């Protein structure tokens, strides 16, 4: 039974050293010690970090399972080795002296202890590095918090100074505003006095303008009535002239319509004559084509007749020649 290579987050798989370790753990005295402690060799197998992976689970939980298994495995291994030493001592008392095989086993056991010591050293170094990194992070965090506290104090001082300056500026602004308001009140009182005087003068001007407007409207009404009479006369004359122009245009339009009717009639007659001419010309062309076809048929019939005569003449000559040759 092969064992996986130990290591946090290492690749799982058997190697030569694992096989040797398993051979060391699979000796008679080691099995006897395990049986005395009620342990099984499967609990001492070295498992990789990936073997504790569960789909959908947290990485921290996987690390926790791995660390717990390694801790228990090392404790069991130490217990079995101690029990194995007791078994060897008991056998020695009984007269069983270990031979060459026991020396080889002790050498392999020593190598196993060295390997476990190296593993523990690597783990301790990793934990030390993590602790150092955490210390550095804490120091950096403290430094940042100190800087932030200093900045906050500086900002508080600036805020207090700004509030003091704002109070002084506010008092100065209040004094200037009060002075400006007093000056504005004086200017407003003067402006109101001038406005009342202007209103009185404006009222007098309005009354005078209304009187002038009344006289103007009376004179304008008289002029308007005279102009209205003249305008009505002009309008009546324009209506009369417009009616006369409408009658003249109506007569002119009727005459033009009659002329257009005569022209349309003449165009229709010309169109009919042209159409008759085209029909006649088309018929003449058709007849000419029929004549040409008839002449061609006639010529074909003549040629056919001539070929028949020539054929008969040739056949007759052939018969004569054959008769003479016979």
C-alpha atoms as a PDB file:
ATOM      1  CA  UNK A   1       0.000   0.000   0.000  1.00  0.00           C
ATOM      2  CA  UNK A   2       1.754   3.164  -1.232  1.00  0.00           C
ATOM      3  CA  UNK A   3       1.602   6.520   0.621  1.00  0.00           C
ATOM      4  CA  UNK A   4       1.160  10.004  -0.833  1.00  0.00           C
ATOM      5  CA  UNK A   5       3.961  12.574  -0.594  1.00  0.00           C
ATOM      6  CA  UNK A   6       3.380  14.932   2.345  1.00  0.00           C
ATOM      7  CA  UNK A   7       3.227  18.658   1.844  1.00  0.00           C
ATOM      8  CA  UNK A   8       0.769  21.471   2.077  1.00  0.00           C
ATOM      9  CA  UNK A   9      -0.981  21.798  -1.303  1.00  0.00           C
ATOM     10  CA  UNK A  10       1.412  19.390  -2.985  1.00  0.00           C
ATOM     11  CA  UNK A  11       0.605  16.975  -5.788  1.00  0.00           C
ATOM     12  CA  UNK A  12      -0.714  13.564  -4.717  1.00  0.00           C
ATOM     13  CA  UNK A  13       1.082  10.485  -5.951  1.00  0.00           C
ATOM     14  CA  UNK A  14       3.390   7.676  -4.770  1.00  0.00           C
ATOM     15  CA  UNK A  15       7.200   8.041  -4.826  1.00  0.00           C
ATOM     16  CA  UNK A  16      10.197   5.960  -3.714  1.00  0.00           C
ATOM     17  CA  UNK A  17      10.496   7.604  -0.289  1.00  0.00           C
ATOM     18  CA  UNK A  18       6.830   6.968   0.445  1.00  0.00           C
ATOM     19  CA  UNK A  19       7.257   3.316  -0.400  1.00  0.00           C
ATOM     20  CA  UNK A  20      10.279   3.128   1.908  1.00  0.00           C
ATOM     21  CA  UNK A  21       8.350   4.850   4.699  1.00  0.00           C
ATOM     22  CA  UNK A  22       5.530   2.391   4.250  1.00  0.00           C
ATOM     23  CA  UNK A  23       7.986  -0.501   4.456  1.00  0.00           C
ATOM     24  CA  UNK A  24       9.271   0.931   7.741  1.00  0.00           C
ATOM     25  CA  UNK A  25       5.725   1.189   9.057  1.00  0.00           C
ATOM     26  CA  UNK A  26       4.882  -2.320   7.838  1.00  0.00           C
ATOM     27  CA  UNK A  27       7.364  -4.226  10.090  1.00  0.00           C
ATOM     28  CA  UNK A  28       6.190  -6.900  12.569  1.00  0.00           C
ATOM     29  CA  UNK A  29       7.075  -4.853  15.677  1.00  0.00           C
ATOM     30  CA  UNK A  30       5.418  -1.720  14.233  1.00  0.00           C
ATOM     31  CA  UNK A  31       2.239  -3.702  13.488  1.00  0.00           C
ATOM     32  CA  UNK A  32       2.340  -5.167  16.984  1.00  0.00           C
ATOM     33  CA  UNK A  33       2.719  -1.692  18.513  1.00  0.00           C
ATOM     34  CA  UNK A  34      -0.208  -0.419  16.403  1.00  0.00           C
ATOM     35  CA  UNK A  35      -2.346  -3.368  17.461  1.00  0.00           C
ATOM     36  CA  UNK A  36      -1.506  -2.693  21.114  1.00  0.00           C
ATOM     37  CA  UNK A  37      -2.672   0.930  20.708  1.00  0.00           C
ATOM     38  CA  UNK A  38      -5.707  -0.077  18.652  1.00  0.00           C
ATOM     39  CA  UNK A  39      -4.550   1.949  15.612  1.00  0.00           C
ATOM     40  CA  UNK A  40      -4.503   1.029  11.943  1.00  0.00           C
ATOM     41  CA  UNK A  41      -1.789   1.835   9.415  1.00  0.00           C
ATOM     42  CA  UNK A  42      -4.269   3.682   7.173  1.00  0.00           C
ATOM     43  CA  UNK A  43      -4.426   6.434   9.814  1.00  0.00           C
ATOM     44  CA  UNK A  44      -0.686   7.055   9.288  1.00  0.00           C
ATOM     45  CA  UNK A  45      -0.867   7.591   5.539  1.00  0.00           C
ATOM     46  CA  UNK A  46       0.465  10.931   4.273  1.00  0.00           C
ATOM     47  CA  UNK A  47      -2.330  12.732   2.411  1.00  0.00           C
ATOM     48  CA  UNK A  48      -1.965  15.755   0.131  1.00  0.00           C
ATOM     49  CA  UNK A  49      -3.754  19.058   0.673  1.00  0.00           C
ATOM     50  CA  UNK A  50      -5.848  18.489  -2.467  1.00  0.00           C
ATOM     51  CA  UNK A  51      -7.248  15.238  -1.075  1.00  0.00           C
ATOM     52  CA  UNK A  52      -9.256  17.290   1.451  1.00  0.00           C
ATOM     53  CA  UNK A  53     -10.985  19.316  -1.255  1.00  0.00           C
ATOM     54  CA  UNK A  54     -14.809  19.243  -1.316  1.00  0.00           C
ATOM     55  CA  UNK A  55     -16.553  20.958  -4.250  1.00  0.00           C
ATOM     56  CA  UNK A  56     -18.214  24.198  -3.182  1.00  0.00           C
ATOM     57  CA  UNK A  57     -16.476  24.279   0.223  1.00  0.00           C
ATOM     58  CA  UNK A  58     -14.311  27.109   1.612  1.00  0.00           C
ATOM     59  CA  UNK A  59     -10.530  27.077   1.312  1.00  0.00           C
ATOM     60  CA  UNK A  60     -10.176  27.758   5.017  1.00  0.00           C
ATOM     61  CA  UNK A  61     -12.201  24.651   5.872  1.00  0.00           C
ATOM     62  CA  UNK A  62     -10.016  22.561   3.573  1.00  0.00           C
ATOM     63  CA  UNK A  63      -6.893  23.940   5.301  1.00  0.00           C
ATOM     64  CA  UNK A  64      -8.420  23.191   8.697  1.00  0.00           C
ATOM     65  CA  UNK A  65      -9.129  19.552   7.747  1.00  0.00           C
ATOM     66  CA  UNK A  66      -5.592  19.146   6.416  1.00  0.00           C
ATOM     67  CA  UNK A  67      -3.948  20.624   9.551  1.00  0.00           C
ATOM     68  CA  UNK A  68      -6.112  18.504  11.860  1.00  0.00           C
ATOM     69  CA  UNK A  69      -5.282  15.292  10.004  1.00  0.00           C
ATOM     70  CA  UNK A  70      -1.532  16.050  10.016  1.00  0.00           C
ATOM     71  CA  UNK A  71      -1.582  16.820  13.723  1.00  0.00           C
ATOM     72  CA  UNK A  72      -3.402  13.579  14.575  1.00  0.00           C
ATOM     73  CA  UNK A  73      -1.207  11.568  12.202  1.00  0.00           C
ATOM     74  CA  UNK A  74       1.975  12.836  13.845  1.00  0.00           C
ATOM     75  CA  UNK A  75       0.576  12.157  17.312  1.00  0.00           C
ATOM     76  CA  UNK A  76      -0.370   8.581  16.347  1.00  0.00           C
ATOM     77  CA  UNK A  77       3.028   8.031  14.749  1.00  0.00           C
ATOM     78  CA  UNK A  78       4.819   9.223  17.889  1.00  0.00           C
ATOM     79  CA  UNK A  79       2.628   6.976  20.042  1.00  0.00           C
ATOM     80  CA  UNK A  80       3.261   3.919  17.871  1.00  0.00           C
ATOM     81  CA  UNK A  81       7.032   4.560  17.773  1.00  0.00           C
ATOM     82  CA  UNK A  82       7.115   4.875  21.550  1.00  0.00           C
ATOM     83  CA  UNK A  83       5.110   1.687  21.909  1.00  0.00           C
ATOM     84  CA  UNK A  84       7.404  -0.025  19.390  1.00  0.00           C
ATOM     85  CA  UNK A  85      10.432   0.908  21.541  1.00  0.00           C
ATOM     86  CA  UNK A  86       8.678  -0.713  24.470  1.00  0.00           C
ATOM     87  CA  UNK A  87       8.068  -3.860  22.391  1.00  0.00           C
ATOM     88  CA  UNK A  88      11.761  -3.991  21.407  1.00  0.00           C
ATOM     89  CA  UNK A  89      12.791  -3.576  25.042  1.00  0.00           C
ATOM     90  CA  UNK A  90      10.441  -6.351  26.140  1.00  0.00           C
ATOM     91  CA  UNK A  91      11.777  -8.667  23.465  1.00  0.00           C
ATOM     92  CA  UNK A  92      15.346  -7.844  24.526  1.00  0.00           C
ATOM     93  CA  UNK A  93      14.533  -8.817  28.085  1.00  0.00           C
ATOM     94  CA  UNK A  94      13.199 -12.102  26.794  1.00  0.00           C
ATOM     95  CA  UNK A  95      16.507 -12.751  24.994  1.00  0.00           C
ATOM     96  CA  UNK A  96      15.582 -11.667  21.549  1.00  0.00           C
ATOM     97  CA  UNK A  97      18.524  -9.602  20.315  1.00  0.00           C
ATOM     98  CA  UNK A  98      17.856  -7.590  17.156  1.00  0.00           C
ATOM     99  CA  UNK A  99      19.910  -8.695  14.217  1.00  0.00           C
ATOM    100  CA  UNK A 100      21.072  -7.068  11.004  1.00  0.00           C
ATOM    101  CA  UNK A 101      17.482  -6.454   9.919  1.00  0.00           C
ATOM    102  CA  UNK A 102      16.862  -4.479  13.122  1.00  0.00           C
ATOM    103  CA  UNK A 103      19.934  -2.316  12.370  1.00  0.00           C
ATOM    104  CA  UNK A 104      18.587  -1.583   8.898  1.00  0.00           C
ATOM    105  CA  UNK A 105      15.231  -0.801  10.437  1.00  0.00           C
ATOM    106  CA  UNK A 106      16.821   1.585  12.919  1.00  0.00           C
ATOM    107  CA  UNK A 107      18.632   3.333  10.048  1.00  0.00           C
ATOM    108  CA  UNK A 108      15.365   3.656   8.140  1.00  0.00           C
ATOM    109  CA  UNK A 109      13.609   4.794  11.294  1.00  0.00           C
ATOM    110  CA  UNK A 110      16.292   7.435  11.801  1.00  0.00           C
ATOM    111  CA  UNK A 111      15.757   8.635   8.235  1.00  0.00           C
ATOM    112  CA  UNK A 112      12.024   8.761   8.942  1.00  0.00           C
ATOM    113  CA  UNK A 113      12.657  10.864  12.056  1.00  0.00           C
ATOM    114  CA  UNK A 114      14.937  13.175  10.062  1.00  0.00           C
ATOM    115  CA  UNK A 115      12.253  13.540   7.425  1.00  0.00           C
ATOM    116  CA  UNK A 116       9.615  14.351  10.055  1.00  0.00           C
ATOM    117  CA  UNK A 117      12.004  16.829  11.649  1.00  0.00           C
ATOM    118  CA  UNK A 118      12.563  18.506   8.270  1.00  0.00           C
ATOM    119  CA  UNK A 119       8.797  18.560   7.702  1.00  0.00           C
ATOM    120  CA  UNK A 120       8.270  20.191  11.102  1.00  0.00           C
ATOM    121  CA  UNK A 121      11.060  22.668  10.373  1.00  0.00           C
ATOM    122  CA  UNK A 122       9.459  23.612   7.032  1.00  0.00           C
ATOM    123  CA  UNK A 123       6.080  24.005   8.749  1.00  0.00           C
ATOM    124  CA  UNK A 124       7.605  26.166  11.472  1.00  0.00           C
ATOM    125  CA  UNK A 125       9.418  28.310   8.920  1.00  0.00           C
ATOM    126  CA  UNK A 126       6.157  28.769   6.995  1.00  0.00           C
ATOM    127  CA  UNK A 127       4.326  29.734  10.190  1.00  0.00           C
ATOM    128  CA  UNK A 128       7.198  32.091  11.075  1.00  0.00           C
ATOM    129  CA  UNK A 129       6.979  33.733   7.655  1.00  0.00           C
ATOM    130  CA  UNK A 130       3.212  34.112   8.033  1.00  0.00           C
ATOM    131  CA  UNK A 131       3.679  35.558  11.508  1.00  0.00           C
ATOM    132  CA  UNK A 132       6.337  37.984  10.220  1.00  0.00           C
ATOM    133  CA  UNK A 133       4.032  39.032   7.384  1.00  0.00           C
ATOM    134  CA  UNK A 134       1.206  39.582   9.880  1.00  0.00           C
ATOM    135  CA  UNK A 135       3.532  41.610  12.114  1.00  0.00           C
ATOM    136  CA  UNK A 136       4.601  43.756   9.174  1.00  0.00           C
ATOM    137  CA  UNK A 137       0.978  44.232   8.132  1.00  0.00           C
ATOM    138  CA  UNK A 138       0.033  45.194  11.709  1.00  0.00           C
ATOM    139  CA  UNK A 139       2.924  47.662  11.910  1.00  0.00           C
ATOM    140  CA  UNK A 140       1.924  49.125   8.548  1.00  0.00           C
ATOM    141  CA  UNK A 141      -1.696  49.347   9.717  1.00  0.00           C
ATOM    142  CA  UNK A 142      -0.596  51.080  12.953  1.00  0.00           C
ATOM    143  CA  UNK A 143       1.576  53.497  10.970  1.00  0.00           C
ATOM    144  CA  UNK A 144      -1.345  54.285   8.664  1.00  0.00           C
ATOM    145  CA  UNK A 145      -3.685  54.772  11.635  1.00  0.00           C
ATOM    146  CA  UNK A 146      -1.115  57.093  13.253  1.00  0.00           C
ATOM    147  CA  UNK A 147      -0.839  59.098  10.033  1.00  0.00           C
ATOM    148  CA  UNK A 148      -4.629  59.210   9.761  1.00  0.00           C
ATOM    149  CA  UNK A 149      -4.885  60.418  13.382  1.00  0.00           C
ATOM    150  CA  UNK A 150      -2.305  63.125  12.686  1.00  0.00           C
ATOM    151  CA  UNK A 151      -4.193  64.198   9.557  1.00  0.00           C
ATOM    152  CA  UNK A 152      -7.456  64.305  11.522  1.00  0.00           C
ATOM    153  CA  UNK A 153      -5.856  66.465  14.216  1.00  0.00           C
ATOM    154  CA  UNK A 154      -4.420  68.745  11.568  1.00  0.00           C
ATOM    155  CA  UNK A 155      -7.802  68.991   9.885  1.00  0.00           C
ATOM    156  CA  UNK A 156      -9.456  69.764  13.260  1.00  0.00           C
ATOM    157  CA  UNK A 157      -6.971  72.573  13.887  1.00  0.00           C
ATOM    158  CA  UNK A 158      -7.568  73.943  10.407  1.00  0.00           C
ATOM    159  CA  UNK A 159     -11.329  73.735  10.963  1.00  0.00           C
ATOM    160  CA  UNK A 160     -11.048  75.675  14.241  1.00  0.00           C
ATOM    161  CA  UNK A 161      -8.862  78.322  12.593  1.00  0.00           C
ATOM    162  CA  UNK A 162     -11.291  78.524   9.673  1.00  0.00           C
ATOM    163  CA  UNK A 163     -14.252  78.910  12.058  1.00  0.00           C
ATOM    164  CA  UNK A 164     -12.438  81.711  13.918  1.00  0.00           C
ATOM    165  CA  UNK A 165     -11.658  83.438  10.642  1.00  0.00           C
ATOM    166  CA  UNK A 166     -15.244  82.966   9.518  1.00  0.00           C
ATOM    167  CA  UNK A 167     -16.473  84.584  12.770  1.00  0.00           C
ATOM    168  CA  UNK A 168     -14.222  87.588  12.268  1.00  0.00           C
ATOM    169  CA  UNK A 169     -15.211  87.899   8.610  1.00  0.00           C
ATOM    170  CA  UNK A 170     -18.879  87.573   9.616  1.00  0.00           C
ATOM    171  CA  UNK A 171     -18.611  90.429  12.140  1.00  0.00           C
ATOM    172  CA  UNK A 172     -16.835  92.615   9.636  1.00  0.00           C
ATOM    173  CA  UNK A 173     -19.388  91.745   6.971  1.00  0.00           C
ATOM    174  CA  UNK A 174     -22.225  92.539   9.391  1.00  0.00           C
ATOM    175  CA  UNK A 175     -20.789  95.986  10.116  1.00  0.00           C
ATOM    176  CA  UNK A 176     -20.327  96.722   6.418  1.00  0.00           C
ATOM    177  CA  UNK A 177     -23.839  95.444   5.693  1.00  0.00           C
ATOM    178  CA  UNK A 178     -25.360  97.692   8.386  1.00  0.00           C
ATOM    179  CA  UNK A 179     -23.495 100.711   7.001  1.00  0.00           C
ATOM    180  CA  UNK A 180     -24.642  99.860   3.485  1.00  0.00           C
ATOM    181  CA  UNK A 181     -28.239  99.456   4.684  1.00  0.00           C
ATOM    182  CA  UNK A 182     -28.197 102.892   6.354  1.00  0.00           C
ATOM    183  CA  UNK A 183     -26.784 104.437   3.203  1.00  0.00           C
ATOM    184  CA  UNK A 184     -29.360 102.593   1.124  1.00  0.00           C
ATOM    185  CA  UNK A 185     -32.180 103.886   3.337  1.00  0.00           C
ATOM    186  CA  UNK A 186     -31.031 107.460   2.757  1.00  0.00           C
ATOM    187  CA  UNK A 187     -30.855 106.866  -0.986  1.00  0.00           C
ATOM    188  CA  UNK A 188     -34.295 105.239  -0.974  1.00  0.00           C
ATOM    189  CA  UNK A 189     -35.889 108.146   0.898  1.00  0.00           C
ATOM    190  CA  UNK A 190     -34.411 110.575  -1.613  1.00  0.00           C
ATOM    191  CA  UNK A 191     -35.579 108.409  -4.496  1.00  0.00           C
ATOM    192  CA  UNK A 192     -39.103 108.192  -3.042  1.00  0.00           C
ATOM    193  CA  UNK A 193     -39.262 111.989  -2.729  1.00  0.00           C
ATOM    194  CA  UNK A 194     -38.086 112.374  -6.310  1.00  0.00           C
ATOM    195  CA  UNK A 195     -40.543 109.672  -7.428  1.00  0.00           C
ATOM    196  CA  UNK A 196     -43.513 111.464  -5.780  1.00  0.00           C
ATOM    197  CA  UNK A 197     -42.512 114.734  -7.419  1.00  0.00           C
ATOM    198  CA  UNK A 198     -42.173 112.987 -10.774  1.00  0.00           C
ATOM    199  CA  UNK A 199     -45.578 111.332 -10.297  1.00  0.00           C
ATOM    200  CA  UNK A 200     -47.225 114.695  -9.658  1.00  0.00           C
ATOM    201  CA  UNK A 201     -45.582 116.184 -12.725  1.00  0.00           C
ATOM    202  CA  UNK A 202     -46.547 113.116 -14.718  1.00  0.00           C
ATOM    203  CA  UNK A 203     -50.172 113.410 -13.536  1.00  0.00           C
ATOM    204  CA  UNK A 204     -50.278 117.015 -14.719  1.00  0.00           C
ATOM    205  CA  UNK A 205     -48.807 115.971 -18.050  1.00  0.00           C
ATOM    206  CA  UNK A 206     -51.365 113.169 -18.371  1.00  0.00           C
ATOM    207  CA  UNK A 207     -54.271 115.528 -17.775  1.00  0.00           C
ATOM    208  CA  UNK A 208     -52.930 117.943 -20.392  1.00  0.00           C
ATOM    209  CA  UNK A 209     -52.394 115.060 -22.843  1.00  0.00           C
ATOM    210  CA  UNK A 210     -55.949 113.807 -22.255  1.00  0.00           C
ATOM    211  CA  UNK A 211     -57.334 117.237 -23.070  1.00  0.00           C
ATOM    212  CA  UNK A 212     -55.244 117.410 -26.215  1.00  0.00           C
ATOM    213  CA  UNK A 213     -56.300 113.866 -27.122  1.00  0.00           C
ATOM    214  CA  UNK A 214     -59.990 114.734 -26.698  1.00  0.00           C
ATOM    215  CA  UNK A 215     -59.688 117.713 -29.031  1.00  0.00           C
ATOM    216  CA  UNK A 216     -57.707 115.579 -31.488  1.00  0.00           C
ATOM    217  CA  UNK A 217     -60.253 112.773 -31.432  1.00  0.00           C
ATOM    218  CA  UNK A 218     -63.103 115.195 -32.104  1.00  0.00           C
ATOM    219  CA  UNK A 219     -61.326 116.661 -35.093  1.00  0.00           C
ATOM    220  CA  UNK A 220     -60.297 113.198 -36.218  1.00  0.00           C
ATOM    221  CA  UNK A 221     -63.897 111.948 -36.020  1.00  0.00           C
ATOM    222  CA  UNK A 222     -65.051 114.684 -38.340  1.00  0.00           C
ATOM    223  CA  UNK A 223     -62.273 113.919 -40.813  1.00  0.00           C
ATOM    224  CA  UNK A 224     -63.034 110.205 -40.550  1.00  0.00           C
ATOM    225  CA  UNK A 225     -66.698 110.706 -41.372  1.00  0.00           C
ATOM    226  CA  UNK A 226     -65.773 112.749 -44.446  1.00  0.00           C
ATOM    227  CA  UNK A 227     -63.204 110.165 -45.520  1.00  0.00           C
ATOM    228  CA  UNK A 228     -65.699 107.363 -44.923  1.00  0.00           C
ATOM    229  CA  UNK A 229     -68.161 108.928 -47.335  1.00  0.00           C
ATOM    230  CA  UNK A 230     -65.470 109.248 -49.979  1.00  0.00           C
ATOM    231  CA  UNK A 231     -64.336 105.683 -49.286  1.00  0.00           C
ATOM    232  CA  UNK A 232     -67.852 104.290 -49.669  1.00  0.00           C
ATOM    233  CA  UNK A 233     -68.182 106.098 -53.006  1.00  0.00           C
ATOM    234  CA  UNK A 234     -64.870 104.629 -54.147  1.00  0.00           C
ATOM    235  CA  UNK A 235     -65.916 101.178 -52.980  1.00  0.00           C
ATOM    236  CA  UNK A 236     -69.192 101.384 -54.906  1.00  0.00           C
ATOM    237  CA  UNK A 237     -67.329 102.458 -58.028  1.00  0.00           C
ATOM    238  CA  UNK A 238     -64.821  99.589 -57.573  1.00  0.00           C
ATOM    239  CA  UNK A 239     -67.662  97.082 -57.178  1.00  0.00           C
ATOM    240  CA  UNK A 240     -69.283  98.306 -60.355  1.00  0.00           C
ATOM    241  CA  UNK A 241     -66.044  98.097 -62.285  1.00  0.00           C
ATOM    242  CA  UNK A 242     -65.334  94.670 -60.839  1.00  0.00           C
ATOM    243  CA  UNK A 243     -68.742  93.398 -61.947  1.00  0.00           C
ATOM    244  CA  UNK A 244     -68.167  94.756 -65.436  1.00  0.00           C
ATOM    245  CA  UNK A 245     -64.762  93.063 -65.593  1.00  0.00           C
ATOM    246  CA  UNK A 246     -66.291  89.793 -64.414  1.00  0.00           C
ATOM    247  CA  UNK A 247     -68.944  89.920 -67.141  1.00  0.00           C
ATOM    248  CA  UNK A 248     -66.303  90.689 -69.783  1.00  0.00           C
ATOM    249  CA  UNK A 249     -64.092  87.826 -68.535  1.00  0.00           C
ATOM    250  CA  UNK A 250     -67.033  85.458 -68.532  1.00  0.00           C
ATOM    251  CA  UNK A 251     -67.856  86.303 -72.153  1.00  0.00           C
ATOM    252  CA  UNK A 252     -64.210  85.993 -73.128  1.00  0.00           C
ATOM    253  CA  UNK A 253     -64.007  82.612 -71.411  1.00  0.00           C
ATOM    254  CA  UNK A 254     -67.072  81.308 -73.177  1.00  0.00           C
ATOM    255  CA  UNK A 255     -65.619  82.407 -76.536  1.00  0.00           C
ATOM    256  CA  UNK A 256     -62.340  80.666 -75.712  1.00  0.00           C
ATOM    257  CA  UNK A 257     -64.198  77.512 -74.743  1.00  0.00           C
ATOM    258  CA  UNK A 258     -66.017  77.532 -78.090  1.00  0.00           C
ATOM    259  CA  UNK A 259     -62.708  78.024 -79.904  1.00  0.00           C
ATOM    260  CA  UNK A 260     -61.125  75.169 -77.907  1.00  0.00           C
ATOM    261  CA  UNK A 261     -64.110  72.946 -78.757  1.00  0.00           C
ATOM    262  CA  UNK A 262     -63.662  73.663 -82.458  1.00  0.00           C
ATOM    263  CA  UNK A 263     -59.929  72.913 -82.198  1.00  0.00           C
ATOM    264  CA  UNK A 264     -60.610  69.643 -80.354  1.00  0.00           C
ATOM    265  CA  UNK A 265     -63.102  68.632 -83.034  1.00  0.00           C
ATOM    266  CA  UNK A 266     -60.550  69.390 -85.761  1.00  0.00           C
ATOM    267  CA  UNK A 267     -57.861  67.423 -83.868  1.00  0.00           C
ATOM    268  CA  UNK A 268     -60.219  64.437 -83.510  1.00  0.00           C
ATOM    269  CA  UNK A 269     -60.979  64.516 -87.244  1.00  0.00           C
ATOM    270  CA  UNK A 270     -57.277  64.737 -88.110  1.00  0.00           C
ATOM    271  CA  UNK A 271     -56.584  61.859 -85.719  1.00  0.00           C
ATOM    272  CA  UNK A 272     -59.256  59.730 -87.373  1.00  0.00           C
ATOM    273  CA  UNK A 273     -57.853  60.480 -90.822  1.00  0.00           C
ATOM    274  CA  UNK A 274     -54.316  59.668 -89.676  1.00  0.00           C
ATOM    275  CA  UNK A 275     -55.529  56.449 -88.093  1.00  0.00           C
ATOM    276  CA  UNK A 276     -57.321  55.478 -91.302  1.00  0.00           C
ATOM    277  CA  UNK A 277     -54.141  56.195 -93.284  1.00  0.00           C
ATOM    278  CA  UNK A 278     -52.082  54.035 -90.890  1.00  0.00           C
ATOM    279  CA  UNK A 279     -54.604  51.225 -91.158  1.00  0.00           C
ATOM    280  CA  UNK A 280     -54.539  51.418 -94.933  1.00  0.00           C
ATOM    281  CA  UNK A 281     -50.748  51.470 -94.983  1.00  0.00           C
ATOM    282  CA  UNK A 282     -50.629  48.518 -92.612  1.00  0.00           C
ATOM    283  CA  UNK A 283     -53.022  46.575 -94.785  1.00  0.00           C
ATOM    284  CA  UNK A 284     -50.915  47.360 -97.871  1.00  0.00           C
ATOM    285  CA  UNK A 285     -47.834  46.103 -96.120  1.00  0.00           C
ATOM    286  CA  UNK A 286     -49.649  42.939 -95.078  1.00  0.00           C
ATOM    287  CA  UNK A 287     -50.794  42.327 -98.639  1.00  0.00           C
ATOM    288  CA  UNK A 288     -47.293  42.928 -99.926  1.00  0.00           C
ATOM    289  CA  UNK A 289     -45.981  40.361 -97.470  1.00  0.00           C
ATOM    290  CA  UNK A 290     -48.632  37.876 -98.586  1.00  0.00           C
ATOM    291  CA  UNK A 291     -47.638  38.474-102.189  1.00  0.00           C
ATOM    292  CA  UNK A 292     -44.017  37.872-101.430  1.00  0.00           C
ATOM    293  CA  UNK A 293     -44.866  34.645 -99.610  1.00  0.00           C
ATOM    294  CA  UNK A 294     -47.059  33.553-102.512  1.00  0.00           C
ATOM    295  CA  UNK A 295     -44.266  34.287-105.028  1.00  0.00           C
ATOM    296  CA  UNK A 296     -41.825  32.339-102.892  1.00  0.00           C
ATOM    297  CA  UNK A 297     -44.222  29.364-102.725  1.00  0.00           C
ATOM    298  CA  UNK A 298     -44.681  29.531-106.428  1.00  0.00           C
ATOM    299  CA  UNK A 299     -40.942  29.623-107.092  1.00  0.00           C
ATOM    300  CA  UNK A 300     -40.515  26.658-104.722  1.00  0.00           C
ATOM    301  CA  UNK A 301     -43.145  24.689-106.591  1.00  0.00           C
ATOM    302  CA  UNK A 302     -41.436  25.490-109.917  1.00  0.00           C
ATOM    303  CA  UNK A 303     -38.082  24.367-108.598  1.00  0.00           C
ATOM    304  CA  UNK A 304     -39.651  21.195-107.235  1.00  0.00           C
ATOM    305  CA  UNK A 305     -41.239  20.432-110.600  1.00  0.00           C
ATOM    306  CA  UNK A 306     -37.923  21.018-112.413  1.00  0.00           C
ATOM    307  CA  UNK A 307     -36.080  18.737-110.001  1.00  0.00           C
ATOM    308  CA  UNK A 308     -38.742  16.043-110.665  1.00  0.00           C
ATOM    309  CA  UNK A 309     -38.295  16.373-114.393  1.00  0.00           C
ATOM    310  CA  UNK A 310     -34.531  16.224-114.126  1.00  0.00           C
ATOM    311  CA  UNK A 311     -34.812  13.167-111.908  1.00  0.00           C
ATOM    312  CA  UNK A 312     -37.054  11.394-114.424  1.00  0.00           C
ATOM    313  CA  UNK A 313     -34.711  12.339-117.242  1.00  0.00           C
ATOM    314  CA  UNK A 314     -31.680  11.004-115.367  1.00  0.00           C
ATOM    315  CA  UNK A 315     -33.465   7.760-114.536  1.00  0.00           C
ATOM    316  CA  UNK A 316     -34.474   7.384-118.196  1.00  0.00           C
ATOM    317  CA  UNK A 317     -30.869   7.958-119.316  1.00  0.00           C
ATOM    318  CA  UNK A 318     -29.652   5.390-116.808  1.00  0.00           C
ATOM    319  CA  UNK A 319     -32.085   2.812-118.138  1.00  0.00           C
ATOM    320  CA  UNK A 320     -30.940   3.486-121.682  1.00  0.00           C
ATOM    321  CA  UNK A 321     -27.308   3.134-120.710  1.00  0.00           C
ATOM    322  CA  UNK A 322     -27.985  -0.098-118.889  1.00  0.00           C
ATOM    323  CA  UNK A 323     -29.929  -1.398-121.906  1.00  0.00           C
ATOM    324  CA  UNK A 324     -27.055  -0.522-124.258  1.00  0.00           C
ATOM    325  CA  UNK A 325     -24.524  -2.090-121.960  1.00  0.00           C
ATOM    326  CA  UNK A 326     -26.548  -5.258-121.713  1.00  0.00           C
END
